[in-house]
N, C-alpha and C. Protein backbone atom coordinates (compact mmCIF):
# COMPACT_ATOMS: atom_id res chain seq x y z
N UNK A 1 -22.80 6.07 -21.26
CA UNK A 1 -21.52 6.24 -21.28
C UNK A 1 -21.47 7.62 -20.24
N UNK A 2 -20.33 7.71 -19.32
CA UNK A 2 -19.94 9.03 -18.98
C UNK A 2 -18.29 9.21 -19.28
N UNK A 3 -18.16 10.62 -18.88
CA UNK A 3 -16.58 11.09 -19.03
C UNK A 3 -15.87 11.37 -17.87
N UNK A 4 -14.81 10.21 -17.49
CA UNK A 4 -14.05 11.07 -16.75
C UNK A 4 -12.52 11.52 -16.94
N UNK A 5 -11.73 11.93 -16.04
CA UNK A 5 -10.19 12.21 -16.30
C UNK A 5 -9.77 11.23 -16.97
N UNK A 6 -10.18 10.00 -16.77
CA UNK A 6 -9.42 8.60 -17.57
C UNK A 6 -9.92 8.39 -18.95
N UNK A 7 -11.21 9.48 -19.54
CA UNK A 7 -11.80 8.95 -20.52
C UNK A 7 -13.02 8.66 -20.54
N UNK A 8 -13.79 8.09 -21.37
CA UNK A 8 -15.00 7.30 -21.56
C UNK A 8 -15.16 6.10 -20.14
N UNK A 9 -16.23 6.06 -19.81
CA UNK A 9 -16.14 5.00 -18.58
C UNK A 9 -17.63 4.75 -18.63
N UNK A 10 -18.25 3.13 -18.59
CA UNK A 10 -19.22 2.76 -17.87
C UNK A 10 -19.78 2.94 -16.64
N UNK A 11 -20.60 2.06 -16.32
CA UNK A 11 -21.17 1.96 -14.79
C UNK A 11 -20.61 1.08 -14.13
N UNK A 12 -20.33 1.31 -12.88
CA UNK A 12 -19.70 0.11 -12.24
C UNK A 12 -20.56 -0.82 -11.15
N UNK A 13 -20.61 -1.67 -10.67
CA UNK A 13 -21.35 -2.63 -10.36
C UNK A 13 -21.79 -1.87 -9.13
N UNK A 14 -21.57 -1.05 -8.37
CA UNK A 14 -21.62 -0.88 -6.69
C UNK A 14 -22.61 0.57 -7.05
N UNK A 15 -22.66 1.22 -8.64
CA UNK A 15 -23.16 2.00 -9.13
C UNK A 15 -24.44 1.54 -9.60
N UNK A 16 -24.84 0.43 -9.83
CA UNK A 16 -26.04 0.25 -10.57
C UNK A 16 -26.84 -0.50 -9.52
N UNK A 17 -27.88 -0.09 -10.04
CA UNK A 17 -29.50 -0.65 -9.04
C UNK A 17 -30.17 -1.64 -9.71
N UNK A 18 -31.26 -2.36 -9.09
CA UNK A 18 -31.85 -2.89 -9.50
C UNK A 18 -33.03 -2.14 -10.47
N UNK A 19 -33.67 -2.46 -11.47
CA UNK A 19 -34.39 -1.42 -12.06
C UNK A 19 -33.97 -0.42 -12.84
N UNK A 20 -32.98 -0.05 -12.89
CA UNK A 20 -31.97 0.69 -13.93
C UNK A 20 -32.32 0.50 -15.16
N UNK A 21 -32.58 1.39 -16.26
CA UNK A 21 -32.80 0.82 -17.36
C UNK A 21 -31.90 1.83 -18.30
N UNK A 22 -31.24 1.00 -19.40
CA UNK A 22 -30.93 1.64 -20.79
C UNK A 22 -31.11 1.18 -21.75
N UNK A 23 -31.47 2.32 -22.76
CA UNK A 23 -31.95 1.94 -24.02
C UNK A 23 -30.69 2.77 -25.01
N UNK A 24 -30.33 1.84 -26.22
CA UNK A 24 -29.48 1.91 -27.16
C UNK A 24 -30.07 3.07 -28.35
N UNK A 25 -29.11 3.28 -28.73
CA UNK A 25 -29.48 3.83 -30.20
C UNK A 25 -30.02 2.64 -31.04
N UNK A 26 -30.56 3.04 -32.08
CA UNK A 26 -30.93 1.90 -33.28
C UNK A 26 -29.88 1.87 -34.43
N UNK A 27 -30.16 0.75 -35.36
CA UNK A 27 -29.38 0.47 -36.44
C UNK A 27 -30.39 -0.51 -37.12
N UNK A 28 -30.40 -0.06 -38.42
CA UNK A 28 -31.21 -0.82 -39.71
C UNK A 28 -30.44 -1.86 -40.17
N UNK A 29 -31.27 -2.88 -40.42
CA UNK A 29 -30.65 -4.00 -40.79
C UNK A 29 -30.41 -3.98 -42.28
N UNK A 30 -29.59 -4.23 -43.05
CA UNK A 30 -29.53 -4.40 -44.39
C UNK A 30 -29.19 -5.86 -45.20
N UNK A 31 -29.17 -5.70 -46.29
CA UNK A 31 -29.08 -7.03 -47.13
C UNK A 31 -27.38 -7.05 -46.90
N UNK A 32 -26.84 -6.27 -46.76
CA UNK A 32 -25.15 -6.52 -47.00
C UNK A 32 -24.95 -7.35 -45.48
N UNK A 33 -25.42 -6.92 -44.90
CA UNK A 33 -25.42 -7.33 -43.11
C UNK A 33 -25.41 -9.04 -43.23
N UNK A 34 -26.75 -9.07 -44.04
CA UNK A 34 -27.19 -10.87 -43.63
C UNK A 34 -26.10 -11.26 -44.65
N UNK A 35 -25.70 -11.03 -45.87
CA UNK A 35 -24.69 -11.66 -46.78
C UNK A 35 -23.43 -11.47 -46.05
N UNK A 36 -22.91 -10.43 -45.46
CA UNK A 36 -21.58 -10.83 -44.96
C UNK A 36 -21.38 -11.82 -43.84
N UNK A 37 -22.85 -11.46 -42.71
CA UNK A 37 -22.54 -12.14 -41.77
C UNK A 37 -22.79 -13.82 -42.16
N UNK A 38 -24.33 -14.13 -43.10
CA UNK A 38 -23.80 -15.56 -43.83
C UNK A 38 -22.66 -16.01 -43.75
N UNK A 39 -21.71 -15.01 -44.88
CA UNK A 39 -20.49 -15.67 -45.27
C UNK A 39 -19.44 -16.24 -43.91
N UNK A 40 -19.48 -15.17 -43.32
CA UNK A 40 -18.55 -15.15 -42.01
C UNK A 40 -18.94 -16.41 -40.98
N UNK A 41 -20.23 -17.00 -40.81
CA UNK A 41 -20.51 -18.19 -40.40
C UNK A 41 -20.45 -19.11 -40.99
N UNK A 42 -20.89 -18.90 -42.40
CA UNK A 42 -21.30 -20.33 -43.43
C UNK A 42 -22.40 -20.84 -43.20
N UNK A 43 -23.72 -19.73 -43.08
CA UNK A 43 -24.90 -20.15 -42.71
C UNK A 43 -25.70 -19.59 -44.22
N UNK A 44 -25.94 -20.44 -44.96
CA UNK A 44 -26.11 -19.99 -46.30
C UNK A 44 -27.78 -20.34 -46.84
N UNK A 45 -28.38 -20.43 -45.27
CA UNK A 45 -30.05 -20.84 -45.75
C UNK A 45 -31.15 -20.44 -46.50
N UNK A 46 -31.68 -20.78 -47.48
CA UNK A 46 -32.69 -19.91 -47.97
C UNK A 46 -33.55 -19.13 -47.39
N UNK A 47 -33.82 -19.37 -46.17
CA UNK A 47 -34.35 -18.31 -45.10
C UNK A 47 -33.77 -16.63 -45.21
N UNK A 48 -32.38 -16.95 -45.52
CA UNK A 48 -31.52 -15.59 -45.67
C UNK A 48 -31.35 -15.32 -46.69
N UNK A 49 -31.06 -16.34 -47.67
CA UNK A 49 -30.29 -15.90 -49.25
C UNK A 49 -31.19 -16.34 -50.29
N UNK A 50 -32.45 -16.39 -50.46
CA UNK A 50 -33.28 -16.83 -51.68
C UNK A 50 -34.64 -16.13 -51.54
N UNK A 51 -34.61 -14.96 -52.23
CA UNK A 51 -35.49 -14.39 -52.24
C UNK A 51 -37.20 -15.03 -53.15
N UNK A 52 -36.80 -15.59 -53.97
CA UNK A 52 -37.64 -16.37 -55.08
C UNK A 52 -38.36 -17.73 -53.72
N UNK A 53 -37.54 -18.29 -52.77
CA UNK A 53 -38.04 -19.34 -52.27
C UNK A 53 -38.76 -18.71 -51.33
N UNK A 54 -38.12 -18.12 -50.74
CA UNK A 54 -39.18 -17.06 -49.45
C UNK A 54 -40.46 -16.33 -49.73
N UNK A 55 -40.67 -15.99 -50.88
CA UNK A 55 -41.75 -15.74 -51.36
C UNK A 55 -43.28 -16.75 -51.23
N UNK A 56 -42.57 -18.33 -51.24
CA UNK A 56 -43.65 -18.95 -50.81
C UNK A 56 -43.60 -19.39 -49.43
N UNK A 57 -42.62 -18.76 -48.71
CA UNK A 57 -42.40 -19.23 -46.93
C UNK A 57 -43.54 -18.47 -45.96
N UNK A 58 -43.85 -18.69 -44.93
CA UNK A 58 -44.60 -17.92 -44.05
C UNK A 58 -44.25 -16.57 -43.91
N UNK A 59 -42.96 -16.22 -44.17
CA UNK A 59 -42.77 -14.89 -43.46
C UNK A 59 -42.82 -13.97 -45.25
N UNK A 60 -42.77 -14.60 -46.23
CA UNK A 60 -42.66 -13.86 -47.53
C UNK A 60 -42.02 -13.40 -48.13
N UNK A 61 -40.58 -13.08 -47.12
CA UNK A 61 -39.30 -12.61 -47.42
C UNK A 61 -38.20 -12.81 -46.82
N UNK A 62 -36.95 -12.60 -47.13
CA UNK A 62 -35.67 -13.16 -46.32
C UNK A 62 -35.78 -12.49 -45.06
N UNK A 63 -35.28 -13.16 -44.54
CA UNK A 63 -35.22 -12.75 -42.56
C UNK A 63 -33.58 -12.81 -42.38
N UNK A 64 -33.57 -11.70 -41.26
CA UNK A 64 -31.95 -11.77 -41.09
C UNK A 64 -31.98 -13.30 -40.15
N UNK A 65 -30.83 -13.31 -40.05
CA UNK A 65 -30.36 -14.55 -39.10
C UNK A 65 -30.42 -14.09 -37.33
N UNK A 66 -31.11 -15.02 -36.90
CA UNK A 66 -31.40 -14.84 -35.51
C UNK A 66 -29.94 -14.37 -34.36
N UNK A 67 -29.11 -15.03 -34.92
CA UNK A 67 -28.14 -14.79 -34.27
C UNK A 67 -27.03 -13.42 -34.64
N UNK A 68 -27.43 -12.92 -36.03
CA UNK A 68 -27.04 -11.69 -36.53
C UNK A 68 -27.62 -10.34 -35.76
N UNK A 69 -28.85 -10.78 -35.50
CA UNK A 69 -29.65 -9.68 -34.53
C UNK A 69 -29.42 -9.25 -33.17
N UNK A 70 -28.78 -10.75 -32.55
CA UNK A 70 -28.30 -11.00 -31.35
C UNK A 70 -27.13 -10.42 -31.17
N UNK A 71 -26.13 -10.24 -32.25
CA UNK A 71 -25.01 -9.57 -32.27
C UNK A 71 -24.89 -8.44 -32.37
N UNK A 72 -26.18 -7.98 -33.32
CA UNK A 72 -26.32 -6.59 -33.44
C UNK A 72 -26.25 -5.59 -32.00
N UNK A 73 -27.31 -6.79 -31.38
CA UNK A 73 -27.72 -5.87 -30.27
C UNK A 73 -26.53 -5.65 -28.88
N UNK A 74 -25.56 -6.94 -28.99
CA UNK A 74 -24.71 -6.35 -28.07
C UNK A 74 -23.53 -5.32 -28.82
N UNK A 75 -23.45 -5.15 -29.92
CA UNK A 75 -23.07 -4.22 -30.77
C UNK A 75 -23.35 -2.85 -30.19
N UNK A 76 -24.98 -2.58 -30.14
CA UNK A 76 -25.48 -1.65 -29.69
C UNK A 76 -25.13 -1.27 -28.37
N UNK A 77 -25.00 -2.09 -27.37
CA UNK A 77 -25.15 -1.81 -26.17
C UNK A 77 -23.53 -1.47 -25.76
N UNK A 78 -22.79 -2.39 -26.62
CA UNK A 78 -21.19 -1.64 -26.61
C UNK A 78 -21.36 -0.20 -26.72
N UNK A 79 -22.03 0.11 -27.72
CA UNK A 79 -21.76 1.63 -28.33
C UNK A 79 -22.37 2.64 -27.51
N UNK A 80 -23.31 2.10 -26.48
CA UNK A 80 -24.09 3.01 -25.55
C UNK A 80 -22.95 3.25 -24.69
N UNK A 81 -21.98 2.24 -24.21
CA UNK A 81 -20.82 2.71 -23.41
C UNK A 81 -21.22 2.13 -21.84
N UNK A 82 -22.54 1.48 -21.69
CA UNK A 82 -22.21 1.42 -20.43
C UNK A 82 -21.66 0.38 -19.67
N UNK A 83 -21.40 -0.54 -20.53
CA UNK A 83 -19.89 -1.59 -19.66
C UNK A 83 -18.26 -0.99 -19.86
N UNK A 84 -18.31 0.19 -20.67
CA UNK A 84 -17.18 0.40 -21.31
C UNK A 84 -15.86 0.37 -19.91
N UNK A 85 -14.64 -0.33 -19.95
CA UNK A 85 -14.09 -0.40 -19.28
C UNK A 85 -14.12 -0.90 -17.77
N UNK A 86 -15.96 -1.51 -17.40
CA UNK A 86 -16.16 -1.81 -16.20
C UNK A 86 -16.75 -3.39 -16.12
N UNK A 87 -17.17 -3.73 -17.63
CA UNK A 87 -17.32 -5.20 -17.50
C UNK A 87 -15.88 -6.15 -17.32
N UNK A 88 -16.04 -7.36 -16.69
CA UNK A 88 -14.76 -8.11 -16.52
C UNK A 88 -15.23 -9.64 -17.43
N UNK A 89 -16.19 -9.81 -17.38
CA UNK A 89 -16.42 -11.03 -17.98
C UNK A 89 -18.21 -11.37 -18.35
N UNK A 90 -18.07 -12.05 -19.24
CA UNK A 90 -19.90 -12.50 -19.55
C UNK A 90 -20.01 -14.00 -19.48
N UNK A 91 -20.68 -13.97 -18.30
CA UNK A 91 -21.38 -15.35 -17.81
C UNK A 91 -22.16 -16.07 -18.81
N UNK A 92 -23.29 -15.50 -19.48
CA UNK A 92 -24.43 -16.16 -20.58
C UNK A 92 -25.54 -15.64 -20.72
N UNK A 93 -26.54 -16.00 -21.33
CA UNK A 93 -27.47 -15.26 -21.85
C UNK A 93 -28.62 -16.98 -21.99
N UNK A 94 -29.91 -16.05 -21.93
CA UNK A 94 -31.04 -16.90 -22.38
C UNK A 94 -31.40 -15.81 -23.13
N UNK A 95 -32.33 -16.62 -24.24
CA UNK A 95 -32.85 -15.76 -25.39
C UNK A 95 -33.59 -16.52 -25.64
N UNK A 96 -35.09 -15.48 -26.04
CA UNK A 96 -35.96 -16.17 -27.11
C UNK A 96 -36.14 -15.71 -28.31
N UNK A 97 -36.22 -16.09 -29.29
CA UNK A 97 -36.27 -15.53 -30.93
C UNK A 97 -38.17 -15.54 -31.04
N UNK A 98 -38.83 -14.10 -31.15
CA UNK A 98 -40.10 -14.02 -31.36
C UNK A 98 -40.79 -13.74 -32.19
N UNK A 99 -40.18 -12.95 -33.51
CA UNK A 99 -40.41 -12.16 -34.47
C UNK A 99 -39.54 -12.30 -35.51
N UNK A 100 -39.61 -12.34 -36.69
CA UNK A 100 -38.66 -12.05 -37.72
C UNK A 100 -38.24 -10.51 -38.03
N UNK A 101 -36.80 -10.57 -38.08
CA UNK A 101 -36.14 -9.09 -38.72
C UNK A 101 -36.43 -9.41 -39.94
N UNK A 102 -36.62 -8.17 -40.91
CA UNK A 102 -36.45 -8.26 -42.42
C UNK A 102 -35.45 -7.38 -42.63
N UNK A 103 -34.89 -7.81 -43.78
CA UNK A 103 -34.05 -6.06 -44.45
C UNK A 103 -34.84 -4.85 -44.47
N UNK A 104 -34.07 -4.03 -43.65
CA UNK A 104 -34.83 -2.49 -43.55
C UNK A 104 -35.54 -2.35 -42.39
N UNK A 105 -35.33 -3.49 -41.43
CA UNK A 105 -35.97 -3.10 -40.26
C UNK A 105 -34.96 -2.56 -39.37
N UNK A 106 -35.24 -1.55 -38.47
CA UNK A 106 -34.42 -1.09 -37.86
C UNK A 106 -34.89 -1.37 -36.20
N UNK A 107 -33.65 -1.89 -35.45
CA UNK A 107 -33.68 -2.33 -34.38
C UNK A 107 -32.71 -1.74 -33.25
N UNK A 108 -33.36 -1.96 -31.80
CA UNK A 108 -32.81 -0.87 -30.48
C UNK A 108 -32.76 -2.05 -29.53
N UNK A 109 -32.09 -1.63 -28.39
CA UNK A 109 -32.12 -2.49 -27.38
C UNK A 109 -32.57 -2.11 -26.03
N UNK A 110 -33.36 -2.53 -25.30
CA UNK A 110 -33.95 -1.86 -23.98
C UNK A 110 -33.43 -3.01 -23.25
N UNK A 111 -32.66 -2.39 -22.23
CA UNK A 111 -32.49 -3.22 -21.02
C UNK A 111 -32.80 -2.85 -19.53
N UNK A 112 -32.75 -3.79 -18.54
CA UNK A 112 -33.28 -3.19 -17.36
C UNK A 112 -32.38 -4.15 -16.67
N UNK A 113 -31.88 -3.56 -15.01
CA UNK A 113 -31.24 -4.50 -14.36
C UNK A 113 -32.27 -5.26 -13.43
N UNK A 114 -32.21 -6.68 -13.23
CA UNK A 114 -33.14 -7.15 -12.76
C UNK A 114 -32.49 -8.12 -11.26
N UNK A 115 -30.97 -7.89 -11.77
CA UNK A 115 -30.52 -9.08 -10.18
C UNK A 115 -28.99 -8.49 -10.21
N UNK A 116 -29.07 -8.49 -8.85
CA UNK A 116 -27.32 -8.30 -8.68
C UNK A 116 -27.10 -9.13 -7.70
N UNK A 117 -25.62 -9.62 -7.68
CA UNK A 117 -25.19 -11.06 -7.11
C UNK A 117 -23.65 -10.34 -6.53
N UNK A 118 -23.28 -9.97 -5.51
CA UNK A 118 -21.96 -9.39 -4.95
C UNK A 118 -21.10 -10.38 -5.27
N UNK A 119 -19.82 -10.25 -5.55
CA UNK A 119 -18.80 -11.60 -5.94
C UNK A 119 -17.33 -10.75 -5.42
N UNK A 120 -17.35 -10.53 -4.26
CA UNK A 120 -16.28 -9.90 -3.47
C UNK A 120 -14.77 -10.23 -4.01
N UNK A 121 -14.69 -11.52 -4.03
CA UNK A 121 -13.34 -12.27 -4.46
C UNK A 121 -12.79 -11.54 -6.10
N UNK A 122 -13.88 -11.06 -6.66
CA UNK A 122 -13.42 -10.51 -8.02
C UNK A 122 -13.69 -8.96 -7.99
N UNK A 123 -13.96 -8.21 -6.62
CA UNK A 123 -14.17 -6.64 -6.82
C UNK A 123 -15.02 -6.28 -7.41
N UNK A 124 -16.59 -7.04 -7.30
CA UNK A 124 -17.29 -6.66 -8.11
C UNK A 124 -18.61 -7.32 -8.03
N UNK A 125 -19.51 -7.71 -8.82
CA UNK A 125 -20.84 -8.37 -8.89
C UNK A 125 -20.96 -8.57 -10.22
N UNK A 126 -22.30 -10.15 -10.14
CA UNK A 126 -22.68 -10.29 -11.27
C UNK A 126 -23.91 -9.37 -11.59
N UNK A 127 -24.12 -8.67 -13.13
CA UNK A 127 -25.09 -7.81 -13.22
C UNK A 127 -26.30 -8.66 -14.21
N UNK A 128 -27.25 -9.17 -13.85
CA UNK A 128 -28.50 -9.44 -14.73
C UNK A 128 -29.42 -8.75 -15.26
N UNK A 129 -29.37 -9.05 -16.62
CA UNK A 129 -30.36 -7.70 -17.19
C UNK A 129 -31.27 -8.35 -18.22
N UNK A 130 -32.57 -8.22 -17.85
CA UNK A 130 -33.43 -8.38 -18.97
C UNK A 130 -33.27 -7.53 -20.03
N UNK A 131 -33.18 -8.23 -21.50
CA UNK A 131 -33.00 -7.69 -22.20
C UNK A 131 -34.10 -7.78 -23.81
N UNK A 132 -34.60 -6.75 -24.24
CA UNK A 132 -35.71 -6.77 -25.26
C UNK A 132 -34.87 -5.94 -26.57
N UNK A 133 -34.93 -6.87 -27.47
CA UNK A 133 -34.70 -6.07 -28.90
C UNK A 133 -36.15 -5.96 -29.75
N UNK A 134 -35.52 -5.03 -30.16
CA UNK A 134 -37.36 -4.00 -30.74
C UNK A 134 -37.33 -3.73 -31.72
N UNK A 135 -38.24 -3.68 -32.58
CA UNK A 135 -37.81 -3.31 -34.34
C UNK A 135 -38.97 -2.17 -34.38
N UNK A 136 -38.99 -1.27 -35.15
CA UNK A 136 -39.17 0.32 -35.18
C UNK A 136 -40.91 0.27 -34.90
N UNK A 137 -41.26 -0.93 -35.20
CA UNK A 137 -42.93 -0.70 -34.89
C UNK A 137 -43.47 -1.06 -33.52
N UNK A 138 -42.20 -1.40 -32.65
CA UNK A 138 -42.61 -1.55 -31.29
C UNK A 138 -42.80 -3.28 -31.16
N UNK A 139 -42.46 -3.83 -32.14
CA UNK A 139 -42.46 -5.52 -31.93
C UNK A 139 -41.11 -5.78 -31.42
N UNK A 140 -41.19 -6.75 -30.38
CA UNK A 140 -40.08 -7.39 -29.42
C UNK A 140 -40.14 -8.44 -30.30
N UNK A 141 -38.55 -8.64 -31.47
CA UNK A 141 -38.09 -9.42 -31.95
C UNK A 141 -37.63 -10.68 -31.18
N UNK A 142 -36.75 -10.18 -30.18
CA UNK A 142 -36.22 -11.06 -29.20
C UNK A 142 -35.95 -10.56 -27.68
N UNK A 143 -35.84 -11.63 -26.47
CA UNK A 143 -36.22 -11.16 -25.20
C UNK A 143 -35.32 -12.37 -24.32
N UNK A 144 -34.95 -11.91 -23.37
CA UNK A 144 -34.20 -12.76 -22.81
C UNK A 144 -33.24 -12.12 -21.47
N UNK A 145 -32.52 -12.66 -21.25
CA UNK A 145 -31.25 -11.95 -19.86
C UNK A 145 -30.12 -12.26 -20.30
N UNK A 146 -29.30 -11.64 -20.07
CA UNK A 146 -27.72 -11.78 -19.81
C UNK A 146 -27.00 -11.36 -18.48
N UNK A 147 -26.24 -11.94 -17.99
CA UNK A 147 -25.41 -11.70 -16.97
C UNK A 147 -24.00 -11.83 -17.33
N UNK A 148 -23.47 -10.41 -16.90
CA UNK A 148 -22.12 -10.09 -16.68
C UNK A 148 -21.61 -10.17 -15.52
N UNK A 149 -19.83 -10.09 -15.19
CA UNK A 149 -19.34 -9.65 -14.14
C UNK A 149 -18.71 -8.39 -14.59
N UNK A 150 -19.24 -7.48 -13.07
CA UNK A 150 -19.42 -5.88 -13.35
C UNK A 150 -18.14 -5.31 -12.08
N UNK A 151 -17.15 -4.71 -12.40
CA UNK A 151 -16.01 -4.28 -11.39
C UNK A 151 -16.87 -3.43 -10.70
N UNK A 152 -16.45 -3.18 -9.42
CA UNK A 152 -16.82 -2.19 -8.56
C UNK A 152 -15.99 -0.78 -8.81
N UNK A 153 -16.31 0.12 -8.38
CA UNK A 153 -15.57 1.50 -8.65
C UNK A 153 -14.53 1.29 -7.53
N UNK A 154 -12.92 1.77 -8.38
CA UNK A 154 -11.91 1.69 -7.70
C UNK A 154 -11.70 2.41 -6.47
N UNK A 155 -11.16 2.30 -5.70
CA UNK A 155 -11.35 3.27 -4.19
C UNK A 155 -10.15 4.29 -4.44
């Protein structure tokens, strides 16, 4: 994020280059996060809520919802401010869930611009970023890419 006379501002499409890398701050996943997220979406699967059941499971303990981890990743990216006031629309994502996230794990996000497609009729373009969600020990727990429409810098 950078600061302009208009306040905090993200990066514009025409200021972005293939290969640009952004790394977010980190966040620790808590039991309260899992309970609250499960309650909001109605997912009370024993994988997330039953400690005794999970003792006999291949993971050995409760895991965070995969979508909770992905949701926190989008929040971390927003806190970074790279898209603040510059993103116009989100097109989609493709993600693979590779490893569990446990209560007490700390995650951060690493993003790299891998594709740019001009969209002159929107005065901007589509940015595709390779995204990795990484735990404190370096394990990539989720990876994929997401694409968003980003505005050009106003003239």
